[in-house]
Amino acid sequence: MLVSFCGSMSISTAPKKVNREYYRITIWHFKSAEQKQELDNYLENAYLPALRRLGVKTIGVFTPIANDTAVDKRIFIIVPRGSLESIAELPAKLSKDASYQDAAKNYMDAVYTNPPFTRMENILLYAFPDAPVLSLPILKSAKADRVYEFRSYESPTEKLFRNKVQMFNEGGEVALFKRLNFNAIFYAEVIAGGSMPNLIYMTSFENMDDRNAHWKTFGADPEWKKLSSDPAYQHNVSRSEIILMKAAEYSDY
């Protein structure tokens, strides 16, 4: 005999847990216009198409505005993935992609006396609980006018780093950025990199005037004044790096 338990069964209304993404940020350092051209050609015609064939979406490519005057120039690429394993598997999968190998030939076969970059670095990140997946910005201006702001906050100790991460999540800093429409792309803690312990986040704006207006509003907001003066969140940042950037024409956002 079948017995129904429907009448006594309780149905959970708890929200579904969203898996947090991982990000790999690769930074190519270069000096000359020729190196920049070679890197752009590699990224646009070889690397990004290969990543897309592997199902990677929303790939961001950016250059600091300060590149115009800096000796050490940089290109940043942000690759989101669902797991650490999928990041680790990328080189092996690219090695088996004949189209990639052909398109990347100039980059891969560059001679040591004429390399396409001066050095390369990788940063591995884990998305915040309150911002578990990368978000595409909602911007109306032309891509050439947009400003992307990359911020890294280092902490003096690991305990104070956890405190700063908590400030963004449970403390409400992520929610504050959202309320003030900062068009944030990601917030994440660095789990492997050269400036640990640190977190990195990225916001975006229609143009430089829009960026400056947003930060003026942020600084005057009563919620931020209360949060930043909270005794529970003091002295949790020892160094910050702010990089204002432009998106490459072939960037996904």
Foldseek 3Di string as FASTA:
>chain_A
DDDDPVVVDDDDPDDDQDQAKKKKKKKFKAADPQLVVLVVQLVQQAVVVLVVVVVWDQKFKWWFPCQVPDRTTMIIIMTIDRDPVVVVCVVVSSVVDPSNCVSCVCQVVPDPVDHSGDDMFMWMWIFQSVFRAFDAFDEDADLQAKKKKKKKFAFPDPVLLVLVSCCVPVVCVVVLCVVLRQRKGTKTATPDDDRPRMIMTMGMANHDVRVVVSVVCQVPDPSNVCSQPPPSNPRSGDDMDMTMIGTDPSRPD
